[in-house]
Amino acid sequence: ELQNVVERAVLLGKHDKVGVEDLPLALAAAAPLSASPAAGRTLK
């Protein structure tokens, strides 16, 4: 299960660094909340 999640995140991620947004929602919910996850980004 871990291997599948990691492979999926690496293959479908848009950047060289895998972020929380590249993980399934169930895992992303376990991530620490940053001060402002959308800071510096548009709504889109």
PDB file of all heavy atoms in Angstrom:
ATOM      1  N   GLU A   1       0.834  -1.193   0.000  1.00  0.00           N
ATOM      2  CA  GLU A   1       0.000   0.000   0.000  1.00  0.00           C
ATOM      3  C   GLU A   1       0.878   1.257   0.000  1.00  0.00           C
ATOM      4  O   GLU A   1       0.644   2.194  -0.763  1.00  0.00           O
ATOM      5  CB  GLU A   1      -0.924   0.013   1.215  1.00  0.00           C
ATOM      6  CG  GLU A   1      -1.845   1.209   1.259  1.00  0.00           C
ATOM      7  CD  GLU A   1      -2.685   1.264   2.521  1.00  0.00           C
ATOM      8  OE1 GLU A   1      -2.536   0.406   3.410  1.00  0.00           O
ATOM      9  OE2 GLU A   1      -3.500   2.199   2.613  1.00  0.00           O
ATOM     10  N   LEU A   2       1.897   1.267   0.846  1.00  0.00           N
ATOM     11  CA  LEU A   2       2.831   2.385   0.893  1.00  0.00           C
ATOM     12  C   LEU A   2       3.532   2.550  -0.449  1.00  0.00           C
ATOM     13  O   LEU A   2       3.639   3.654  -0.980  1.00  0.00           O
ATOM     14  CB  LEU A   2       3.856   2.187   2.009  1.00  0.00           C
ATOM     15  CG  LEU A   2       5.021   3.168   2.055  1.00  0.00           C
ATOM     16  CD1 LEU A   2       4.532   4.594   2.275  1.00  0.00           C
ATOM     17  CD2 LEU A   2       6.007   2.769   3.141  1.00  0.00           C
ATOM     18  N   GLN A   3       3.994   1.460  -1.021  1.00  0.00           N
ATOM     19  CA  GLN A   3       4.684   1.506  -2.314  1.00  0.00           C
ATOM     20  C   GLN A   3       3.769   2.088  -3.388  1.00  0.00           C
ATOM     21  O   GLN A   3       4.191   2.933  -4.184  1.00  0.00           O
ATOM     22  CB  GLN A   3       5.137   0.108  -2.721  1.00  0.00           C
ATOM     23  CG  GLN A   3       5.874   0.076  -4.046  1.00  0.00           C
ATOM     24  CD  GLN A   3       6.323  -1.329  -4.411  1.00  0.00           C
ATOM     25  OE1 GLN A   3       6.137  -2.284  -3.669  1.00  0.00           O
ATOM     26  NE2 GLN A   3       6.912  -1.451  -5.570  1.00  0.00           N
ATOM     27  N   ASN A   4       2.515   1.660  -3.418  1.00  0.00           N
ATOM     28  CA  ASN A   4       1.572   2.171  -4.411  1.00  0.00           C
ATOM     29  C   ASN A   4       1.330   3.663  -4.253  1.00  0.00           C
ATOM     30  O   ASN A   4       1.273   4.406  -5.235  1.00  0.00           O
ATOM     31  CB  ASN A   4       0.242   1.411  -4.330  1.00  0.00           C
ATOM     32  CG  ASN A   4       0.355  -0.005  -4.829  1.00  0.00           C
ATOM     33  OD1 ASN A   4       1.246  -0.332  -5.610  1.00  0.00           O
ATOM     34  ND2 ASN A   4      -0.533  -0.869  -4.372  1.00  0.00           N
ATOM     35  N   VAL A   5       1.200   4.130  -3.013  1.00  0.00           N
ATOM     36  CA  VAL A   5       0.969   5.555  -2.764  1.00  0.00           C
ATOM     37  C   VAL A   5       2.177   6.373  -3.211  1.00  0.00           C
ATOM     38  O   VAL A   5       2.039   7.408  -3.863  1.00  0.00           O
ATOM     39  CB  VAL A   5       0.648   5.804  -1.269  1.00  0.00           C
ATOM     40  CG1 VAL A   5       0.714   7.282  -0.933  1.00  0.00           C
ATOM     41  CG2 VAL A   5      -0.727   5.253  -0.933  1.00  0.00           C
ATOM     42  N   VAL A   6       3.372   5.901  -2.878  1.00  0.00           N
ATOM     43  CA  VAL A   6       4.592   6.630  -3.248  1.00  0.00           C
ATOM     44  C   VAL A   6       4.762   6.659  -4.765  1.00  0.00           C
ATOM     45  O   VAL A   6       5.036   7.709  -5.353  1.00  0.00           O
ATOM     46  CB  VAL A   6       5.833   6.014  -2.558  1.00  0.00           C
ATOM     47  CG1 VAL A   6       7.116   6.589  -3.133  1.00  0.00           C
ATOM     48  CG2 VAL A   6       5.765   6.238  -1.052  1.00  0.00           C
ATOM     49  N   GLU A   7       4.576   5.513  -5.423  1.00  0.00           N
ATOM     50  CA  GLU A   7       4.713   5.473  -6.881  1.00  0.00           C
ATOM     51  C   GLU A   7       3.705   6.400  -7.554  1.00  0.00           C
ATOM     52  O   GLU A   7       4.046   7.131  -8.482  1.00  0.00           O
ATOM     53  CB  GLU A   7       4.525   4.044  -7.390  1.00  0.00           C
ATOM     54  CG  GLU A   7       5.709   3.146  -7.106  1.00  0.00           C
ATOM     55  CD  GLU A   7       5.489   1.719  -7.566  1.00  0.00           C
ATOM     56  OE1 GLU A   7       4.384   1.387  -8.059  1.00  0.00           O
ATOM     57  OE2 GLU A   7       6.428   0.922  -7.435  1.00  0.00           O
ATOM     58  N   ARG A   8       2.477   6.373  -7.078  1.00  0.00           N
ATOM     59  CA  ARG A   8       1.434   7.219  -7.655  1.00  0.00           C
ATOM     60  C   ARG A   8       1.766   8.698  -7.478  1.00  0.00           C
ATOM     61  O   ARG A   8       1.613   9.503  -8.393  1.00  0.00           O
ATOM     62  CB  ARG A   8       0.104   6.872  -6.986  1.00  0.00           C
ATOM     63  CG  ARG A   8      -1.062   7.630  -7.500  1.00  0.00           C
ATOM     64  CD  ARG A   8      -2.346   7.034  -6.890  1.00  0.00           C
ATOM     65  NE  ARG A   8      -3.468   7.833  -7.215  1.00  0.00           N
ATOM     66  CZ  ARG A   8      -3.986   8.764  -6.436  1.00  0.00           C
ATOM     67  NH1 ARG A   8      -3.497   8.977  -5.254  1.00  0.00           N
ATOM     68  NH2 ARG A   8      -5.014   9.471  -6.817  1.00  0.00           N
ATOM     69  N   ALA A   9       2.235   9.057  -6.281  1.00  0.00           N
ATOM     70  CA  ALA A   9       2.575  10.459  -6.006  1.00  0.00           C
ATOM     71  C   ALA A   9       3.719  10.927  -6.896  1.00  0.00           C
ATOM     72  O   ALA A   9       3.697  12.045  -7.412  1.00  0.00           O
ATOM     73  CB  ALA A   9       2.934  10.626  -4.529  1.00  0.00           C
ATOM     74  N   VAL A  10       4.714  10.082  -7.086  1.00  0.00           N
ATOM     75  CA  VAL A  10       5.866  10.449  -7.916  1.00  0.00           C
ATOM     76  C   VAL A  10       5.460  10.555  -9.385  1.00  0.00           C
ATOM     77  O   VAL A  10       5.834  11.508 -10.078  1.00  0.00           O
ATOM     78  CB  VAL A  10       7.015   9.429  -7.734  1.00  0.00           C
ATOM     79  CG1 VAL A  10       8.103   9.632  -8.772  1.00  0.00           C
ATOM     80  CG2 VAL A  10       7.596   9.533  -6.327  1.00  0.00           C
ATOM     81  N   LEU A  11       4.663   9.608  -9.860  1.00  0.00           N
ATOM     82  CA  LEU A  11       4.273   9.602 -11.274  1.00  0.00           C
ATOM     83  C   LEU A  11       3.290  10.713 -11.627  1.00  0.00           C
ATOM     84  O   LEU A  11       3.372  11.295 -12.701  1.00  0.00           O
ATOM     85  CB  LEU A  11       3.667   8.253 -11.646  1.00  0.00           C
ATOM     86  CG  LEU A  11       4.647   7.083 -11.669  1.00  0.00           C
ATOM     87  CD1 LEU A  11       3.894   5.781 -11.880  1.00  0.00           C
ATOM     88  CD2 LEU A  11       5.691   7.274 -12.745  1.00  0.00           C
ATOM     89  N   LEU A  12       2.356  11.006 -10.728  1.00  0.00           N
ATOM     90  CA  LEU A  12       1.319  11.990 -11.036  1.00  0.00           C
ATOM     91  C   LEU A  12       1.638  13.390 -10.535  1.00  0.00           C
ATOM     92  O   LEU A  12       0.961  14.344 -10.910  1.00  0.00           O
ATOM     93  CB  LEU A  12      -0.031  11.538 -10.458  1.00  0.00           C
ATOM     94  CG  LEU A  12      -0.570  10.227 -11.023  1.00  0.00           C
ATOM     95  CD1 LEU A  12      -1.877   9.855 -10.345  1.00  0.00           C
ATOM     96  CD2 LEU A  12      -0.753  10.315 -12.522  1.00  0.00           C
ATOM     97  N   GLY A  13       2.661  13.511  -9.695  1.00  0.00           N
ATOM     98  CA  GLY A  13       3.030  14.818  -9.176  1.00  0.00           C
ATOM     99  C   GLY A  13       3.555  15.723 -10.276  1.00  0.00           C
ATOM    100  O   GLY A  13       4.126  15.262 -11.268  1.00  0.00           O
ATOM    101  N   LYS A  14       3.365  17.004 -10.089  1.00  0.00           N
ATOM    102  CA  LYS A  14       3.776  17.964 -11.115  1.00  0.00           C
ATOM    103  C   LYS A  14       5.170  18.542 -10.858  1.00  0.00           C
ATOM    104  O   LYS A  14       5.697  19.263 -11.685  1.00  0.00           O
ATOM    105  CB  LYS A  14       2.772  19.111 -11.192  1.00  0.00           C
ATOM    106  CG  LYS A  14       1.425  18.681 -11.714  1.00  0.00           C
ATOM    107  CD  LYS A  14       0.517  19.860 -11.885  1.00  0.00           C
ATOM    108  CE  LYS A  14      -0.789  19.436 -12.504  1.00  0.00           C
ATOM    109  NZ  LYS A  14      -1.680  20.556 -12.755  1.00  0.00           N
ATOM    110  N   HIS A  15       5.757  18.226  -9.703  1.00  0.00           N
ATOM    111  CA  HIS A  15       7.046  18.812  -9.344  1.00  0.00           C
ATOM    112  C   HIS A  15       8.022  17.713  -8.942  1.00  0.00           C
ATOM    113  O   HIS A  15       7.640  16.561  -8.750  1.00  0.00           O
ATOM    114  CB  HIS A  15       6.864  19.794  -8.181  1.00  0.00           C
ATOM    115  CG  HIS A  15       5.813  20.833  -8.446  1.00  0.00           C
ATOM    116  ND1 HIS A  15       5.991  21.870  -9.338  1.00  0.00           N
ATOM    117  CD2 HIS A  15       4.563  20.978  -7.963  1.00  0.00           C
ATOM    118  CE1 HIS A  15       4.908  22.612  -9.378  1.00  0.00           C
ATOM    119  NE2 HIS A  15       4.013  22.097  -8.555  1.00  0.00           N
ATOM    120  N   ASP A  16       9.283  18.076  -8.806  1.00  0.00           N
ATOM    121  CA  ASP A  16      10.289  17.106  -8.373  1.00  0.00           C
ATOM    122  C   ASP A  16      10.144  16.749  -6.903  1.00  0.00           C
ATOM    123  O   ASP A  16      10.626  15.719  -6.461  1.00  0.00           O
ATOM    124  CB  ASP A  16      11.701  17.648  -8.619  1.00  0.00           C
ATOM    125  CG  ASP A  16      12.067  17.623 -10.095  1.00  0.00           C
ATOM    126  OD1 ASP A  16      11.403  16.893 -10.862  1.00  0.00           O
ATOM    127  OD2 ASP A  16      13.007  18.332 -10.485  1.00  0.00           O
ATOM    128  N   LYS A  17       9.487  17.617  -6.154  1.00  0.00           N
ATOM    129  CA  LYS A  17       9.279  17.366  -4.735  1.00  0.00           C
ATOM    130  C   LYS A  17       7.825  16.979  -4.516  1.00  0.00           C
ATOM    131  O   LYS A  17       6.915  17.711  -4.872  1.00  0.00           O
ATOM    132  CB  LYS A  17       9.621  18.602  -3.900  1.00  0.00           C
ATOM    133  CG  LYS A  17       9.547  18.372  -2.406  1.00  0.00           C
ATOM    134  CD  LYS A  17      10.045  19.574  -1.653  1.00  0.00           C
ATOM    135  CE  LYS A  17      11.387  19.198  -1.070  1.00  0.00           C
ATOM    136  NZ  LYS A  17      11.911  20.181  -0.156  1.00  0.00           N
ATOM    137  N   VAL A  18       7.605  15.784  -3.940  1.00  0.00           N
ATOM    138  CA  VAL A  18       6.258  15.307  -3.663  1.00  0.00           C
ATOM    139  C   VAL A  18       5.712  16.069  -2.467  1.00  0.00           C
ATOM    140  O   VAL A  18       6.333  16.116  -1.408  1.00  0.00           O
ATOM    141  CB  VAL A  18       6.253  13.790  -3.379  1.00  0.00           C
ATOM    142  CG1 VAL A  18       4.864  13.321  -2.949  1.00  0.00           C
ATOM    143  CG2 VAL A  18       6.736  13.021  -4.598  1.00  0.00           C
ATOM    144  N   GLY A  19       4.551  16.672  -2.656  1.00  0.00           N
ATOM    145  CA  GLY A  19       3.916  17.424  -1.583  1.00  0.00           C
ATOM    146  C   GLY A  19       2.648  16.742  -1.113  1.00  0.00           C
ATOM    147  O   GLY A  19       2.215  15.733  -1.675  1.00  0.00           O
ATOM    148  N   VAL A  20       2.040  17.293  -0.094  1.00  0.00           N
ATOM    149  CA  VAL A  20       0.808  16.746   0.453  1.00  0.00           C
ATOM    150  C   VAL A  20      -0.277  16.691  -0.619  1.00  0.00           C
ATOM    151  O   VAL A  20      -1.079  15.761  -0.668  1.00  0.00           O
ATOM    152  CB  VAL A  20       0.338  17.582   1.667  1.00  0.00           C
ATOM    153  CG1 VAL A  20      -1.011  17.118   2.165  1.00  0.00           C
ATOM    154  CG2 VAL A  20       1.364  17.522   2.784  1.00  0.00           C
ATOM    155  N   GLU A  21      -0.284  17.671  -1.507  1.00  0.00           N
ATOM    156  CA  GLU A  21      -1.301  17.719  -2.556  1.00  0.00           C
ATOM    157  C   GLU A  21      -1.190  16.556  -3.537  1.00  0.00           C
ATOM    158  O   GLU A  21      -2.133  16.269  -4.272  1.00  0.00           O
ATOM    159  CB  GLU A  21      -1.232  19.049  -3.319  1.00  0.00           C
ATOM    160  CG  GLU A  21       0.044  19.257  -4.098  1.00  0.00           C
ATOM    161  CD  GLU A  21       1.219  19.799  -3.281  1.00  0.00           C
ATOM    162  OE1 GLU A  21       1.062  20.024  -2.068  1.00  0.00           O
ATOM    163  OE2 GLU A  21       2.288  19.990  -3.870  1.00  0.00           O
ATOM    164  N   ASP A  22      -0.059  15.852  -3.540  1.00  0.00           N
ATOM    165  CA  ASP A  22       0.135  14.705  -4.421  1.00  0.00           C
ATOM    166  C   ASP A  22      -0.299  13.393  -3.776  1.00  0.00           C
ATOM    167  O   ASP A  22      -0.312  12.353  -4.429  1.00  0.00           O
ATOM    168  CB  ASP A  22       1.613  14.596  -4.828  1.00  0.00           C
ATOM    169  CG  ASP A  22       2.086  15.817  -5.591  1.00  0.00           C
ATOM    170  OD1 ASP A  22       1.350  16.265  -6.493  1.00  0.00           O
ATOM    171  OD2 ASP A  22       3.170  16.334  -5.278  1.00  0.00           O
ATOM    172  N   LEU A  23      -0.646  13.434  -2.497  1.00  0.00           N
ATOM    173  CA  LEU A  23      -1.050  12.244  -1.757  1.00  0.00           C
ATOM    174  C   LEU A  23      -2.565  12.083  -1.787  1.00  0.00           C
ATOM    175  O   LEU A  23      -3.292  13.055  -1.979  1.00  0.00           O
ATOM    176  CB  LEU A  23      -0.573  12.344  -0.305  1.00  0.00           C
ATOM    177  CG  LEU A  23       0.927  12.485  -0.091  1.00  0.00           C
ATOM    178  CD1 LEU A  23       1.230  12.685   1.392  1.00  0.00           C
ATOM    179  CD2 LEU A  23       1.672  11.273  -0.630  1.00  0.00           C
ATOM    180  N   PRO A  24      -3.064  10.850  -1.577  1.00  0.00           N
ATOM    181  CA  PRO A  24      -4.511  10.650  -1.483  1.00  0.00           C
ATOM    182  C   PRO A  24      -5.097  11.504  -0.354  1.00  0.00           C
ATOM    183  O   PRO A  24      -4.414  11.811   0.626  1.00  0.00           O
ATOM    184  CB  PRO A  24      -4.645   9.160  -1.162  1.00  0.00           C
ATOM    185  CG  PRO A  24      -3.377   8.550  -1.644  1.00  0.00           C
ATOM    186  CD  PRO A  24      -2.318   9.602  -1.472  1.00  0.00           C
ATOM    187  N   LEU A  25      -6.362  11.846  -0.482  1.00  0.00           N
ATOM    188  CA  LEU A  25      -7.002  12.721   0.495  1.00  0.00           C
ATOM    189  C   LEU A  25      -6.915  12.189   1.921  1.00  0.00           C
ATOM    190  O   LEU A  25      -6.735  12.954   2.861  1.00  0.00           O
ATOM    191  CB  LEU A  25      -8.465  12.952   0.114  1.00  0.00           C
ATOM    192  CG  LEU A  25      -8.692  13.764  -1.157  1.00  0.00           C
ATOM    193  CD1 LEU A  25     -10.177  13.840  -1.468  1.00  0.00           C
ATOM    194  CD2 LEU A  25      -8.111  15.150  -1.017  1.00  0.00           C
ATOM    195  N   ALA A  26      -7.040  10.874   2.103  1.00  0.00           N
ATOM    196  CA  ALA A  26      -6.977  10.294   3.444  1.00  0.00           C
ATOM    197  C   ALA A  26      -5.624  10.555   4.095  1.00  0.00           C
ATOM    198  O   ALA A  26      -5.534  10.769   5.307  1.00  0.00           O
ATOM    199  CB  ALA A  26      -7.249   8.797   3.387  1.00  0.00           C
ATOM    200  N   LEU A  27      -4.569  10.558   3.313  1.00  0.00           N
ATOM    201  CA  LEU A  27      -3.236  10.832   3.844  1.00  0.00           C
ATOM    202  C   LEU A  27      -3.013  12.323   4.018  1.00  0.00           C
ATOM    203  O   LEU A  27      -2.399  12.754   4.985  1.00  0.00           O
ATOM    204  CB  LEU A  27      -2.167  10.267   2.912  1.00  0.00           C
ATOM    205  CG  LEU A  27      -1.987   8.776   3.057  1.00  0.00           C
ATOM    206  CD1 LEU A  27      -1.982   8.125   1.726  1.00  0.00           C
ATOM    207  CD2 LEU A  27      -0.727   8.511   3.802  1.00  0.00           C
ATOM    208  N   ALA A  28      -3.491  13.103   3.080  1.00  0.00           N
ATOM    209  CA  ALA A  28      -3.313  14.553   3.152  1.00  0.00           C
ATOM    210  C   ALA A  28      -3.975  15.114   4.399  1.00  0.00           C
ATOM    211  O   ALA A  28      -3.493  16.087   4.977  1.00  0.00           O
ATOM    212  CB  ALA A  28      -3.877  15.211   1.901  1.00  0.00           C
ATOM    213  N   ALA A  29      -5.051  14.495   4.843  1.00  0.00           N
ATOM    214  CA  ALA A  29      -5.745  14.956   6.040  1.00  0.00           C
ATOM    215  C   ALA A  29      -4.877  14.786   7.285  1.00  0.00           C
ATOM    216  O   ALA A  29      -5.066  15.496   8.274  1.00  0.00           O
ATOM    217  CB  ALA A  29      -7.059  14.202   6.206  1.00  0.00           C
ATOM    218  N   ALA A  30      -3.915  13.870   7.244  1.00  0.00           N
ATOM    219  CA  ALA A  30      -3.038  13.639   8.383  1.00  0.00           C
ATOM    220  C   ALA A  30      -1.842  14.588   8.411  1.00  0.00           C
ATOM    221  O   ALA A  30      -1.087  14.616   9.367  1.00  0.00           O
ATOM    222  CB  ALA A  30      -2.520  12.199   8.361  1.00  0.00           C
ATOM    223  N   ALA A  31      -1.705  15.382   7.373  1.00  0.00           N
ATOM    224  CA  ALA A  31      -0.572  16.310   7.298  1.00  0.00           C
ATOM    225  C   ALA A  31      -0.788  17.467   8.251  1.00  0.00           C
ATOM    226  O   ALA A  31      -1.919  17.881   8.498  1.00  0.00           O
ATOM    227  CB  ALA A  31      -0.415  16.831   5.882  1.00  0.00           C
ATOM    228  N   PRO A  32       0.296  18.012   8.789  1.00  0.00           N
ATOM    229  CA  PRO A  32       0.154  19.180   9.661  1.00  0.00           C
ATOM    230  C   PRO A  32      -0.377  20.367   8.866  1.00  0.00           C
ATOM    231  O   PRO A  32      -0.080  20.506   7.685  1.00  0.00           O
ATOM    232  CB  PRO A  32       1.579  19.430  10.156  1.00  0.00           C
ATOM    233  CG  PRO A  32       2.465  18.736   9.190  1.00  0.00           C
ATOM    234  CD  PRO A  32       1.669  17.611   8.595  1.00  0.00           C
ATOM    235  N   LEU A  33      -1.172  21.165   9.515  1.00  0.00           N
ATOM    236  CA  LEU A  33      -1.714  22.349   8.858  1.00  0.00           C
ATOM    237  C   LEU A  33      -0.665  23.443   8.850  1.00  0.00           C
ATOM    238  O   LEU A  33      -0.149  23.815   9.893  1.00  0.00           O
ATOM    239  CB  LEU A  33      -2.969  22.840   9.584  1.00  0.00           C
ATOM    240  CG  LEU A  33      -4.139  21.867   9.586  1.00  0.00           C
ATOM    241  CD1 LEU A  33      -5.270  22.421  10.433  1.00  0.00           C
ATOM    242  CD2 LEU A  33      -4.616  21.596   8.181  1.00  0.00           C
ATOM    243  N   SER A  34      -0.358  23.941   7.681  1.00  0.00           N
ATOM    244  CA  SER A  34       0.573  25.058   7.605  1.00  0.00           C
ATOM    245  C   SER A  34      -0.204  26.345   7.826  1.00  0.00           C
ATOM    246  O   SER A  34      -1.430  26.365   7.773  1.00  0.00           O
ATOM    247  CB  SER A  34       1.298  25.064   6.257  1.00  0.00           C
ATOM    248  OG  SER A  34       0.372  25.124   5.215  1.00  0.00           O
ATOM    249  N   ALA A  35       0.483  27.406   8.032  1.00  0.00           N
ATOM    250  CA  ALA A  35      -0.161  28.680   8.347  1.00  0.00           C
ATOM    251  C   ALA A  35      -1.129  29.094   7.258  1.00  0.00           C
ATOM    252  O   ALA A  35      -2.236  29.516   7.519  1.00  0.00           O
ATOM    253  CB  ALA A  35       0.896  29.753   8.565  1.00  0.00           C
ATOM    254  N   SER A  36      -0.706  28.977   6.026  1.00  0.00           N
ATOM    255  CA  SER A  36      -1.571  29.363   4.914  1.00  0.00           C
ATOM    256  C   SER A  36      -1.188  28.556   3.685  1.00  0.00           C
ATOM    257  O   SER A  36      -0.304  28.952   2.935  1.00  0.00           O
ATOM    258  CB  SER A  36      -1.422  30.858   4.634  1.00  0.00           C
ATOM    259  OG  SER A  36      -2.234  31.219   3.556  1.00  0.00           O
ATOM    260  N   PRO A  37      -1.815  27.394   3.469  1.00  0.00           N
ATOM    261  CA  PRO A  37      -1.409  26.524   2.379  1.00  0.00           C
ATOM    262  C   PRO A  37      -1.574  27.139   0.994  1.00  0.00           C
ATOM    263  O   PRO A  37      -0.899  26.755   0.066  1.00  0.00           O
ATOM    264  CB  PRO A  37      -2.320  25.299   2.528  1.00  0.00           C
ATOM    265  CG  PRO A  37      -3.428  25.717   3.409  1.00  0.00           C
ATOM    266  CD  PRO A  37      -2.939  26.894   4.207  1.00  0.00           C
ATOM    267  N   ALA A  38      -2.462  28.113   0.831  1.00  0.00           N
ATOM    268  CA  ALA A  38      -2.680  28.711  -0.480  1.00  0.00           C
ATOM    269  C   ALA A  38      -1.941  30.031  -0.644  1.00  0.00           C
ATOM    270  O   ALA A  38      -2.134  30.717  -1.637  1.00  0.00           O
ATOM    271  CB  ALA A  38      -4.177  28.913  -0.693  1.00  0.00           C
ATOM    272  N   ALA A  39      -1.104  30.385   0.304  1.00  0.00           N
ATOM    273  CA  ALA A  39      -0.399  31.660   0.232  1.00  0.00           C
ATOM    274  C   ALA A  39       0.416  31.755  -1.044  1.00  0.00           C
ATOM    275  O   ALA A  39       1.130  30.850  -1.418  1.00  0.00           O
ATOM    276  CB  ALA A  39       0.513  31.821   1.441  1.00  0.00           C
ATOM    277  N   GLY A  40       0.264  32.882  -1.732  1.00  0.00           N
ATOM    278  CA  GLY A  40       1.037  33.120  -2.942  1.00  0.00           C
ATOM    279  C   GLY A  40       0.485  32.418  -4.171  1.00  0.00           C
ATOM    280  O   GLY A  40       1.112  32.429  -5.210  1.00  0.00           O
ATOM    281  N   ARG A  41      -0.688  31.773  -4.053  1.00  0.00           N
ATOM    282  CA  ARG A  41      -1.273  31.087  -5.194  1.00  0.00           C
ATOM    283  C   ARG A  41      -2.653  31.672  -5.487  1.00  0.00           C
ATOM    284  O   ARG A  41      -3.336  32.157  -4.599  1.00  0.00           O
ATOM    285  CB  ARG A  41      -1.430  29.589  -4.912  1.00  0.00           C
ATOM    286  CG  ARG A  41      -0.105  28.898  -4.674  1.00  0.00           C
ATOM    287  CD  ARG A  41      -0.250  27.411  -4.587  1.00  0.00           C
ATOM    288  NE  ARG A  41      -1.074  27.032  -3.438  1.00  0.00           N
ATOM    289  CZ  ARG A  41      -1.490  25.805  -3.201  1.00  0.00           C
ATOM    290  NH1 ARG A  41      -1.183  24.835  -4.025  1.00  0.00           N
ATOM    291  NH2 ARG A  41      -2.220  25.531  -2.146  1.00  0.00           N
ATOM    292  N   THR A  42      -3.034  31.571  -6.736  1.00  0.00           N
ATOM    293  CA  THR A  42      -4.377  31.999  -7.095  1.00  0.00           C
ATOM    294  C   THR A  42      -5.367  30.930  -6.652  1.00  0.00           C
ATOM    295  O   THR A  42      -4.978  29.797  -6.331  1.00  0.00           O
ATOM    296  CB  THR A  42      -4.496  32.190  -8.627  1.00  0.00           C
ATOM    297  OG1 THR A  42      -4.346  30.908  -9.247  1.00  0.00           O
ATOM    298  CG2 THR A  42      -3.468  33.174  -9.156  1.00  0.00           C
ATOM    299  N   LEU A  43      -6.646  31.267  -6.667  1.00  0.00           N
ATOM    300  CA  LEU A  43      -7.671  30.287  -6.297  1.00  0.00           C
ATOM    301  C   LEU A  43      -7.623  29.087  -7.240  1.00  0.00           C
ATOM    302  O   LEU A  43      -7.714  27.940  -6.802  1.00  0.00           O
ATOM    303  CB  LEU A  43      -9.054  30.944  -6.332  1.00  0.00           C
ATOM    304  CG  LEU A  43     -10.235  30.030  -6.037  1.00  0.00           C
ATOM    305  CD1 LEU A  43     -10.107  29.430  -4.642  1.00  0.00           C
ATOM    306  CD2 LEU A  43     -11.539  30.784  -6.168  1.00  0.00           C
ATOM    307  N   LYS A  44      -7.440  29.343  -8.521  1.00  0.00           N
ATOM    308  CA  LYS A  44      -7.365  28.257  -9.504  1.00  0.00           C
ATOM    309  C   LYS A  44      -6.211  27.310  -9.180  1.00  0.00           C
ATOM    310  O   LYS A  44      -6.366  26.092  -9.211  1.00  0.00           O
ATOM    311  CB  LYS A  44      -7.208  28.835 -10.908  1.00  0.00           C
ATOM    312  CG  LYS A  44      -7.176  27.776 -11.985  1.00  0.00           C
ATOM    313  CD  LYS A  44      -7.068  28.384 -13.363  1.00  0.00           C
ATOM    314  CE  LYS A  44      -6.993  27.279 -14.403  1.00  0.00           C
ATOM    315  NZ  LYS A  44      -6.884  27.777 -15.750  1.00  0.00           N
TER     316      LYS A  44
END
